[in-house]
């Protein structure tokens, strides 16, 4: 895997002119944020050696290099999921590539199901912690040059970034929640009993991504900020049949607020 990562980094470095400062992962339906980037270069995933390819609707599948609010960034317009058949090492390979390209921070977004009874569809949840219910991406040989064998996760989500995001949200009149995100493999949405179980564990929202990316980011020493859009509810009396298209539509309604939050956060960092 190290050889594959190196090959991908070398290919990208040969094409970019500047070093990105912040990496951004755009989740389901949040790709519109990419339109706010003054793009200098777009590289489709299928052109990058050894890179996975997005197979999910709402994940366009390209790296976008450019400026967001005057800051040099690289955005992943589309991520990879364990349920697509990729190994955890493949799912998280892009995080290692972005770190080796020079990013200093990682910002992550996703759509998730709310299991907190106080949440509503369309809420923006700033992630303060997570519960990993997926295979750990660090299982296997450790890359000593990338990070330690045993990784401290007492601050998986950077407290300073979280505090800054709260201040930005309040300044812009953006309603937000804070909570714990639980990750599951998917691709099935949860049963009512599973929603209840996940909430009992201490989670406020549940989804099929983000946590593996965060674990690898922390392995490599990257501070992380992450946000979920509550696209459906897993709460007694509010559970309805849900489709991926409805998830994308729910996210689209609050995308302008996410764009404001991310643009201001990038500038402040």
C-alpha atoms as a PDB file:
ATOM      1  CA  UNK A   1       0.000   0.000   0.000  1.00  0.00           C
ATOM      2  CA  UNK A   2       2.842   2.426   0.744  1.00  0.00           C
ATOM      3  CA  UNK A   3       4.125   2.041  -2.790  1.00  0.00           C
ATOM      4  CA  UNK A   4       0.662   2.742  -4.203  1.00  0.00           C
ATOM      5  CA  UNK A   5       0.295   5.831  -2.015  1.00  0.00           C
ATOM      6  CA  UNK A   6       3.700   7.130  -3.128  1.00  0.00           C
ATOM      7  CA  UNK A   7       2.856   6.608  -6.781  1.00  0.00           C
ATOM      8  CA  UNK A   8      -0.419   8.534  -6.428  1.00  0.00           C
ATOM      9  CA  UNK A   9       1.313  11.402  -4.589  1.00  0.00           C
ATOM     10  CA  UNK A  10       4.049  11.649  -7.223  1.00  0.00           C
ATOM     11  CA  UNK A  11       1.481  11.763 -10.036  1.00  0.00           C
ATOM     12  CA  UNK A  12      -0.491  14.553  -8.362  1.00  0.00           C
ATOM     13  CA  UNK A  13       2.603  16.543  -7.376  1.00  0.00           C
ATOM     14  CA  UNK A  14       3.690  16.564 -11.004  1.00  0.00           C
ATOM     15  CA  UNK A  15       0.432  18.320 -11.912  1.00  0.00           C
ATOM     16  CA  UNK A  16      -0.184  20.827  -9.109  1.00  0.00           C
ATOM     17  CA  UNK A  17       1.525  24.201  -8.795  1.00  0.00           C
ATOM     18  CA  UNK A  18       0.824  25.010  -5.140  1.00  0.00           C
ATOM     19  CA  UNK A  19       0.605  23.148  -1.832  1.00  0.00           C
ATOM     20  CA  UNK A  20      -2.932  22.789  -0.420  1.00  0.00           C
ATOM     21  CA  UNK A  21      -3.330  23.961   3.168  1.00  0.00           C
ATOM     22  CA  UNK A  22      -6.701  22.379   3.970  1.00  0.00           C
ATOM     23  CA  UNK A  23      -8.266  19.149   2.718  1.00  0.00           C
ATOM     24  CA  UNK A  24     -12.055  18.959   2.447  1.00  0.00           C
ATOM     25  CA  UNK A  25     -14.179  15.830   1.984  1.00  0.00           C
ATOM     26  CA  UNK A  26     -17.557  16.581   0.439  1.00  0.00           C
ATOM     27  CA  UNK A  27     -20.220  14.060   1.454  1.00  0.00           C
ATOM     28  CA  UNK A  28     -23.518  13.020  -0.128  1.00  0.00           C
ATOM     29  CA  UNK A  29     -25.273  15.978  -1.706  1.00  0.00           C
ATOM     30  CA  UNK A  30     -22.712  18.497  -0.423  1.00  0.00           C
ATOM     31  CA  UNK A  31     -20.697  18.631  -3.641  1.00  0.00           C
ATOM     32  CA  UNK A  32     -22.143  22.070  -4.398  1.00  0.00           C
ATOM     33  CA  UNK A  33     -19.488  23.521  -2.106  1.00  0.00           C
ATOM     34  CA  UNK A  34     -17.027  22.697  -4.871  1.00  0.00           C
ATOM     35  CA  UNK A  35     -18.598  25.480  -6.971  1.00  0.00           C
ATOM     36  CA  UNK A  36     -17.302  27.987  -4.409  1.00  0.00           C
ATOM     37  CA  UNK A  37     -13.693  26.935  -5.006  1.00  0.00           C
ATOM     38  CA  UNK A  38     -11.696  28.993  -7.506  1.00  0.00           C
ATOM     39  CA  UNK A  39     -10.516  25.849  -9.238  1.00  0.00           C
ATOM     40  CA  UNK A  40      -6.995  25.755 -10.610  1.00  0.00           C
ATOM     41  CA  UNK A  41      -6.963  22.045 -11.403  1.00  0.00           C
ATOM     42  CA  UNK A  42      -9.423  19.156 -11.366  1.00  0.00           C
ATOM     43  CA  UNK A  43      -8.156  15.579 -11.457  1.00  0.00           C
ATOM     44  CA  UNK A  44     -10.694  12.763 -11.936  1.00  0.00           C
ATOM     45  CA  UNK A  45     -10.059   9.872  -9.593  1.00  0.00           C
ATOM     46  CA  UNK A  46      -9.740   7.414 -12.454  1.00  0.00           C
ATOM     47  CA  UNK A  47      -6.678   9.301 -13.722  1.00  0.00           C
ATOM     48  CA  UNK A  48      -4.773   8.941 -10.438  1.00  0.00           C
ATOM     49  CA  UNK A  49      -2.693   5.764 -10.129  1.00  0.00           C
ATOM     50  CA  UNK A  50      -4.111   3.292  -7.589  1.00  0.00           C
ATOM     51  CA  UNK A  51      -6.896   5.673  -6.515  1.00  0.00           C
ATOM     52  CA  UNK A  52     -10.341   4.199  -5.797  1.00  0.00           C
ATOM     53  CA  UNK A  53     -13.282   5.389  -7.914  1.00  0.00           C
ATOM     54  CA  UNK A  54     -16.601   6.676  -6.544  1.00  0.00           C
ATOM     55  CA  UNK A  55     -19.600   4.479  -7.378  1.00  0.00           C
ATOM     56  CA  UNK A  56     -22.307   6.285  -5.394  1.00  0.00           C
ATOM     57  CA  UNK A  57     -24.714   8.889  -6.778  1.00  0.00           C
ATOM     58  CA  UNK A  58     -23.912  12.336  -5.385  1.00  0.00           C
ATOM     59  CA  UNK A  59     -20.174  11.615  -5.343  1.00  0.00           C
ATOM     60  CA  UNK A  60     -18.720  13.044  -8.554  1.00  0.00           C
ATOM     61  CA  UNK A  61     -15.262  11.564  -8.185  1.00  0.00           C
ATOM     62  CA  UNK A  62     -12.535  14.173  -8.571  1.00  0.00           C
ATOM     63  CA  UNK A  63      -9.921  16.155  -6.676  1.00  0.00           C
ATOM     64  CA  UNK A  64     -10.340  19.910  -6.958  1.00  0.00           C
ATOM     65  CA  UNK A  65      -7.331  22.130  -6.275  1.00  0.00           C
ATOM     66  CA  UNK A  66      -7.824  25.872  -5.852  1.00  0.00           C
ATOM     67  CA  UNK A  67      -8.708  28.658  -3.467  1.00  0.00           C
ATOM     68  CA  UNK A  68     -11.662  28.847  -1.108  1.00  0.00           C
ATOM     69  CA  UNK A  69     -12.047  32.272   0.449  1.00  0.00           C
ATOM     70  CA  UNK A  70      -8.458  33.003  -0.523  1.00  0.00           C
ATOM     71  CA  UNK A  71      -7.017  29.861   1.077  1.00  0.00           C
ATOM     72  CA  UNK A  72      -5.379  27.063  -0.908  1.00  0.00           C
ATOM     73  CA  UNK A  73      -7.446  23.894  -0.546  1.00  0.00           C
ATOM     74  CA  UNK A  74      -7.964  20.490  -2.092  1.00  0.00           C
ATOM     75  CA  UNK A  75     -11.484  19.070  -2.080  1.00  0.00           C
ATOM     76  CA  UNK A  76     -12.509  15.477  -2.558  1.00  0.00           C
ATOM     77  CA  UNK A  77     -15.731  15.723  -4.542  1.00  0.00           C
ATOM     78  CA  UNK A  78     -16.820  12.229  -3.664  1.00  0.00           C
ATOM     79  CA  UNK A  79     -15.532   9.786  -1.073  1.00  0.00           C
ATOM     80  CA  UNK A  80     -15.227   6.012  -0.802  1.00  0.00           C
ATOM     81  CA  UNK A  81     -17.159   3.611   1.393  1.00  0.00           C
ATOM     82  CA  UNK A  82     -16.509   0.198   2.844  1.00  0.00           C
ATOM     83  CA  UNK A  83     -19.845  -1.020   1.459  1.00  0.00           C
ATOM     84  CA  UNK A  84     -18.624  -0.385  -2.097  1.00  0.00           C
ATOM     85  CA  UNK A  85     -16.325  -3.366  -1.679  1.00  0.00           C
ATOM     86  CA  UNK A  86     -13.130  -1.481  -0.953  1.00  0.00           C
ATOM     87  CA  UNK A  87     -10.869  -2.500   1.902  1.00  0.00           C
ATOM     88  CA  UNK A  88     -10.518  -0.057   4.790  1.00  0.00           C
ATOM     89  CA  UNK A  89      -6.992   0.698   3.592  1.00  0.00           C
ATOM     90  CA  UNK A  90      -8.384   1.642   0.171  1.00  0.00           C
ATOM     91  CA  UNK A  91     -11.220   3.690   1.679  1.00  0.00           C
ATOM     92  CA  UNK A  92      -8.734   5.780   3.649  1.00  0.00           C
ATOM     93  CA  UNK A  93      -5.876   5.879   1.144  1.00  0.00           C
ATOM     94  CA  UNK A  94      -6.894   9.381  -0.070  1.00  0.00           C
ATOM     95  CA  UNK A  95      -6.396  10.788   3.436  1.00  0.00           C
ATOM     96  CA  UNK A  96      -2.795   9.616   3.412  1.00  0.00           C
ATOM     97  CA  UNK A  97      -2.330  11.043  -0.066  1.00  0.00           C
ATOM     98  CA  UNK A  98      -3.726  14.449   0.958  1.00  0.00           C
ATOM     99  CA  UNK A  99      -1.495  14.564   4.032  1.00  0.00           C
ATOM    100  CA  UNK A 100       1.583  13.785   1.945  1.00  0.00           C
ATOM    101  CA  UNK A 101       0.545  16.519  -0.510  1.00  0.00           C
ATOM    102  CA  UNK A 102       0.916  18.962   2.393  1.00  0.00           C
ATOM    103  CA  UNK A 103      -2.463  19.626   3.997  1.00  0.00           C
ATOM    104  CA  UNK A 104      -2.407  20.829   7.610  1.00  0.00           C
ATOM    105  CA  UNK A 105      -6.114  20.336   8.441  1.00  0.00           C
ATOM    106  CA  UNK A 106      -8.900  18.006   7.346  1.00  0.00           C
ATOM    107  CA  UNK A 107     -12.543  19.126   7.120  1.00  0.00           C
ATOM    108  CA  UNK A 108     -15.157  16.388   6.640  1.00  0.00           C
ATOM    109  CA  UNK A 109     -18.872  16.461   5.848  1.00  0.00           C
ATOM    110  CA  UNK A 110     -21.540  13.793   5.612  1.00  0.00           C
ATOM    111  CA  UNK A 111     -25.255  13.081   5.634  1.00  0.00           C
ATOM    112  CA  UNK A 112     -26.541  11.023   8.545  1.00  0.00           C
ATOM    113  CA  UNK A 113     -29.611   9.708  10.278  1.00  0.00           C
ATOM    114  CA  UNK A 114     -30.531  11.433  13.502  1.00  0.00           C
ATOM    115  CA  UNK A 115     -31.186   9.208  16.510  1.00  0.00           C
ATOM    116  CA  UNK A 116     -31.429  12.008  19.054  1.00  0.00           C
ATOM    117  CA  UNK A 117     -35.143  12.761  19.701  1.00  0.00           C
ATOM    118  CA  UNK A 118     -34.343  16.485  19.828  1.00  0.00           C
ATOM    119  CA  UNK A 119     -33.033  16.527  16.254  1.00  0.00           C
ATOM    120  CA  UNK A 120     -34.988  17.426  13.127  1.00  0.00           C
ATOM    121  CA  UNK A 121     -34.366  16.754   9.439  1.00  0.00           C
ATOM    122  CA  UNK A 122     -32.099  19.480   8.107  1.00  0.00           C
ATOM    123  CA  UNK A 123     -30.237  20.055  11.368  1.00  0.00           C
ATOM    124  CA  UNK A 124     -26.514  20.677  11.104  1.00  0.00           C
ATOM    125  CA  UNK A 125     -24.616  18.641  13.690  1.00  0.00           C
ATOM    126  CA  UNK A 126     -21.049  19.571  14.556  1.00  0.00           C
ATOM    127  CA  UNK A 127     -19.353  16.300  15.456  1.00  0.00           C
ATOM    128  CA  UNK A 128     -17.652  16.307  18.848  1.00  0.00           C
ATOM    129  CA  UNK A 129     -16.876  12.568  19.098  1.00  0.00           C
ATOM    130  CA  UNK A 130     -17.622   9.260  17.423  1.00  0.00           C
ATOM    131  CA  UNK A 131     -18.394   5.597  18.020  1.00  0.00           C
ATOM    132  CA  UNK A 132     -16.740   3.245  15.561  1.00  0.00           C
ATOM    133  CA  UNK A 133     -18.910   0.262  14.599  1.00  0.00           C
ATOM    134  CA  UNK A 134     -16.847  -0.546  11.508  1.00  0.00           C
ATOM    135  CA  UNK A 135     -13.541  -2.416  11.041  1.00  0.00           C
ATOM    136  CA  UNK A 136     -10.654  -0.200  12.141  1.00  0.00           C
ATOM    137  CA  UNK A 137      -8.596   1.026   9.156  1.00  0.00           C
ATOM    138  CA  UNK A 138      -5.368   0.709  11.165  1.00  0.00           C
ATOM    139  CA  UNK A 139      -5.680  -3.067  11.503  1.00  0.00           C
ATOM    140  CA  UNK A 140      -2.699  -4.678   9.813  1.00  0.00           C
ATOM    141  CA  UNK A 141       0.859  -3.507   9.273  1.00  0.00           C
ATOM    142  CA  UNK A 142       1.550  -0.087  10.781  1.00  0.00           C
ATOM    143  CA  UNK A 143       3.144   2.595   8.633  1.00  0.00           C
ATOM    144  CA  UNK A 144       5.708   3.909  11.117  1.00  0.00           C
ATOM    145  CA  UNK A 145       6.535   6.889   8.907  1.00  0.00           C
ATOM    146  CA  UNK A 146       2.861   7.884   8.977  1.00  0.00           C
ATOM    147  CA  UNK A 147       2.075   7.470  12.658  1.00  0.00           C
ATOM    148  CA  UNK A 148       2.336   5.314  15.802  1.00  0.00           C
ATOM    149  CA  UNK A 149       1.072   1.768  16.185  1.00  0.00           C
ATOM    150  CA  UNK A 150      -1.351   2.842  18.937  1.00  0.00           C
ATOM    151  CA  UNK A 151      -3.148   6.109  18.260  1.00  0.00           C
ATOM    152  CA  UNK A 152      -4.591   8.346  20.964  1.00  0.00           C
ATOM    153  CA  UNK A 153      -8.204   9.274  20.150  1.00  0.00           C
ATOM    154  CA  UNK A 154      -9.019  11.397  23.193  1.00  0.00           C
ATOM    155  CA  UNK A 155      -9.488  14.379  20.856  1.00  0.00           C
ATOM    156  CA  UNK A 156     -10.499  12.875  17.529  1.00  0.00           C
ATOM    157  CA  UNK A 157     -12.229  16.139  16.599  1.00  0.00           C
ATOM    158  CA  UNK A 158     -10.174  19.253  17.253  1.00  0.00           C
ATOM    159  CA  UNK A 159     -11.675  21.279  20.086  1.00  0.00           C
ATOM    160  CA  UNK A 160     -10.318  24.592  18.813  1.00  0.00           C
ATOM    161  CA  UNK A 161     -11.840  24.026  15.368  1.00  0.00           C
ATOM    162  CA  UNK A 162     -15.137  22.989  16.966  1.00  0.00           C
ATOM    163  CA  UNK A 163     -15.202  26.123  19.127  1.00  0.00           C
ATOM    164  CA  UNK A 164     -14.388  28.289  16.122  1.00  0.00           C
ATOM    165  CA  UNK A 165     -17.161  26.656  14.067  1.00  0.00           C
ATOM    166  CA  UNK A 166     -19.681  27.328  16.835  1.00  0.00           C
ATOM    167  CA  UNK A 167     -18.706  30.985  16.913  1.00  0.00           C
ATOM    168  CA  UNK A 168     -18.987  31.271  13.129  1.00  0.00           C
ATOM    169  CA  UNK A 169     -22.406  29.580  13.166  1.00  0.00           C
ATOM    170  CA  UNK A 170     -23.717  31.929  15.854  1.00  0.00           C
ATOM    171  CA  UNK A 171     -22.338  34.967  14.003  1.00  0.00           C
ATOM    172  CA  UNK A 172     -24.172  33.927  10.833  1.00  0.00           C
ATOM    173  CA  UNK A 173     -27.388  32.909  12.561  1.00  0.00           C
ATOM    174  CA  UNK A 174     -26.919  29.258  11.646  1.00  0.00           C
ATOM    175  CA  UNK A 175     -28.738  26.870  13.940  1.00  0.00           C
ATOM    176  CA  UNK A 176     -26.571  23.906  14.890  1.00  0.00           C
ATOM    177  CA  UNK A 177     -26.438  20.872  17.126  1.00  0.00           C
ATOM    178  CA  UNK A 178     -23.378  19.160  18.571  1.00  0.00           C
ATOM    179  CA  UNK A 179     -23.241  15.436  18.967  1.00  0.00           C
ATOM    180  CA  UNK A 180     -21.671  12.018  18.642  1.00  0.00           C
ATOM    181  CA  UNK A 181     -21.558  10.269  15.264  1.00  0.00           C
ATOM    182  CA  UNK A 182     -21.721   6.486  15.001  1.00  0.00           C
ATOM    183  CA  UNK A 183     -20.372   4.775  11.895  1.00  0.00           C
ATOM    184  CA  UNK A 184     -21.796   1.547  10.468  1.00  0.00           C
ATOM    185  CA  UNK A 185     -20.887  -0.370   7.333  1.00  0.00           C
ATOM    186  CA  UNK A 186     -24.134   0.034   5.382  1.00  0.00           C
ATOM    187  CA  UNK A 187     -25.358  -0.075   2.681  1.00  0.00           C
ATOM    188  CA  UNK A 188     -28.682  -0.850   4.383  1.00  0.00           C
ATOM    189  CA  UNK A 189     -30.316   1.894   6.360  1.00  0.00           C
ATOM    190  CA  UNK A 190     -30.928   0.948   9.968  1.00  0.00           C
ATOM    191  CA  UNK A 191     -33.897  -0.960  11.340  1.00  0.00           C
ATOM    192  CA  UNK A 192     -35.921   0.685  14.144  1.00  0.00           C
ATOM    193  CA  UNK A 193     -34.224  -1.650  16.641  1.00  0.00           C
ATOM    194  CA  UNK A 194     -30.796  -0.719  15.312  1.00  0.00           C
ATOM    195  CA  UNK A 195     -31.579   2.994  15.563  1.00  0.00           C
ATOM    196  CA  UNK A 196     -32.594   2.482  19.193  1.00  0.00           C
ATOM    197  CA  UNK A 197     -29.472   0.414  19.898  1.00  0.00           C
ATOM    198  CA  UNK A 198     -27.187   3.057  18.386  1.00  0.00           C
ATOM    199  CA  UNK A 199     -28.810   5.830  20.404  1.00  0.00           C
ATOM    200  CA  UNK A 200     -28.527   3.720  23.560  1.00  0.00           C
ATOM    201  CA  UNK A 201     -24.777   3.437  22.906  1.00  0.00           C
ATOM    202  CA  UNK A 202     -24.543   7.216  23.172  1.00  0.00           C
ATOM    203  CA  UNK A 203     -24.743   8.395  19.561  1.00  0.00           C
ATOM    204  CA  UNK A 204     -26.806  11.290  18.241  1.00  0.00           C
ATOM    205  CA  UNK A 205     -26.472  10.419  14.555  1.00  0.00           C
ATOM    206  CA  UNK A 206     -25.470   7.426  12.447  1.00  0.00           C
ATOM    207  CA  UNK A 207     -23.894   7.116   9.011  1.00  0.00           C
ATOM    208  CA  UNK A 208     -21.707   5.014   6.738  1.00  0.00           C
ATOM    209  CA  UNK A 209     -18.528   7.090   6.447  1.00  0.00           C
ATOM    210  CA  UNK A 210     -16.260   9.655   8.136  1.00  0.00           C
ATOM    211  CA  UNK A 211     -14.918   7.659  11.089  1.00  0.00           C
ATOM    212  CA  UNK A 212     -12.336   5.621   9.104  1.00  0.00           C
ATOM    213  CA  UNK A 213     -11.137   8.860   7.497  1.00  0.00           C
ATOM    214  CA  UNK A 214     -10.851  10.564  10.883  1.00  0.00           C
ATOM    215  CA  UNK A 215      -8.935   7.650  12.415  1.00  0.00           C
ATOM    216  CA  UNK A 216      -6.354   7.736   9.628  1.00  0.00           C
ATOM    217  CA  UNK A 217      -6.147  11.532   9.799  1.00  0.00           C
ATOM    218  CA  UNK A 218      -5.392  11.346  13.504  1.00  0.00           C
ATOM    219  CA  UNK A 219      -2.874   8.560  12.858  1.00  0.00           C
ATOM    220  CA  UNK A 220      -1.035  11.067  10.672  1.00  0.00           C
ATOM    221  CA  UNK A 221      -1.422  13.962  13.118  1.00  0.00           C
ATOM    222  CA  UNK A 222      -4.030  15.943  11.180  1.00  0.00           C
ATOM    223  CA  UNK A 223      -6.484  18.074  13.203  1.00  0.00           C
ATOM    224  CA  UNK A 224     -10.060  17.302  12.105  1.00  0.00           C
ATOM    225  CA  UNK A 225     -13.316  19.223  11.897  1.00  0.00           C
ATOM    226  CA  UNK A 226     -16.444  17.311  10.854  1.00  0.00           C
ATOM    227  CA  UNK A 227     -20.104  18.098  10.329  1.00  0.00           C
ATOM    228  CA  UNK A 228     -23.198  15.989   9.647  1.00  0.00           C
ATOM    229  CA  UNK A 229     -26.435  17.040   7.997  1.00  0.00           C
ATOM    230  CA  UNK A 230     -29.371  15.180   9.536  1.00  0.00           C
ATOM    231  CA  UNK A 231     -31.130  13.827   6.454  1.00  0.00           C
ATOM    232  CA  UNK A 232     -33.635  11.482   8.137  1.00  0.00           C
ATOM    233  CA  UNK A 233     -34.704  10.462  11.623  1.00  0.00           C
ATOM    234  CA  UNK A 234     -34.300   7.157  13.431  1.00  0.00           C
ATOM    235  CA  UNK A 235     -36.548   8.118  16.325  1.00  0.00           C
ATOM    236  CA  UNK A 236     -39.681   6.269  17.494  1.00  0.00           C
ATOM    237  CA  UNK A 237     -42.714   7.745  15.771  1.00  0.00           C
ATOM    238  CA  UNK A 238     -40.619   9.563  13.143  1.00  0.00           C
ATOM    239  CA  UNK A 239     -39.094   6.660  11.217  1.00  0.00           C
ATOM    240  CA  UNK A 240     -40.203   6.542   7.584  1.00  0.00           C
ATOM    241  CA  UNK A 241     -38.971   4.734   4.490  1.00  0.00           C
ATOM    242  CA  UNK A 242     -35.945   6.599   3.121  1.00  0.00           C
ATOM    243  CA  UNK A 243     -34.066   6.581  -0.187  1.00  0.00           C
ATOM    244  CA  UNK A 244     -30.632   7.886  -1.141  1.00  0.00           C
ATOM    245  CA  UNK A 245     -32.257  10.507  -3.380  1.00  0.00           C
ATOM    246  CA  UNK A 246     -34.244  11.824  -0.418  1.00  0.00           C
ATOM    247  CA  UNK A 247     -31.015  12.041   1.583  1.00  0.00           C
ATOM    248  CA  UNK A 248     -29.434  14.178  -1.145  1.00  0.00           C
ATOM    249  CA  UNK A 249     -32.519  16.413  -1.303  1.00  0.00           C
ATOM    250  CA  UNK A 250     -32.531  16.930   2.466  1.00  0.00           C
ATOM    251  CA  UNK A 251     -28.875  17.949   2.410  1.00  0.00           C
ATOM    252  CA  UNK A 252     -29.405  20.307  -0.537  1.00  0.00           C
ATOM    253  CA  UNK A 253     -31.830  22.404   1.495  1.00  0.00           C
ATOM    254  CA  UNK A 254     -29.139  23.359   4.017  1.00  0.00           C
ATOM    255  CA  UNK A 255     -26.152  23.417   1.668  1.00  0.00           C
ATOM    256  CA  UNK A 256     -26.025  27.268   1.594  1.00  0.00           C
ATOM    257  CA  UNK A 257     -25.544  27.269   5.367  1.00  0.00           C
ATOM    258  CA  UNK A 258     -22.803  24.654   5.105  1.00  0.00           C
ATOM    259  CA  UNK A 259     -21.054  26.701   2.446  1.00  0.00           C
ATOM    260  CA  UNK A 260     -21.067  29.758   4.704  1.00  0.00           C
ATOM    261  CA  UNK A 261     -19.747  27.716   7.626  1.00  0.00           C
ATOM    262  CA  UNK A 262     -16.952  26.094   5.633  1.00  0.00           C
ATOM    263  CA  UNK A 263     -15.880  29.287   3.836  1.00  0.00           C
ATOM    264  CA  UNK A 264     -15.622  31.254   7.064  1.00  0.00           C
ATOM    265  CA  UNK A 265     -13.896  28.401   8.887  1.00  0.00           C
ATOM    266  CA  UNK A 266     -11.307  28.052   6.137  1.00  0.00           C
ATOM    267  CA  UNK A 267     -10.569  31.772   6.310  1.00  0.00           C
ATOM    268  CA  UNK A 268     -10.340  31.841  10.114  1.00  0.00           C
ATOM    269  CA  UNK A 269      -8.019  28.817  10.285  1.00  0.00           C
END
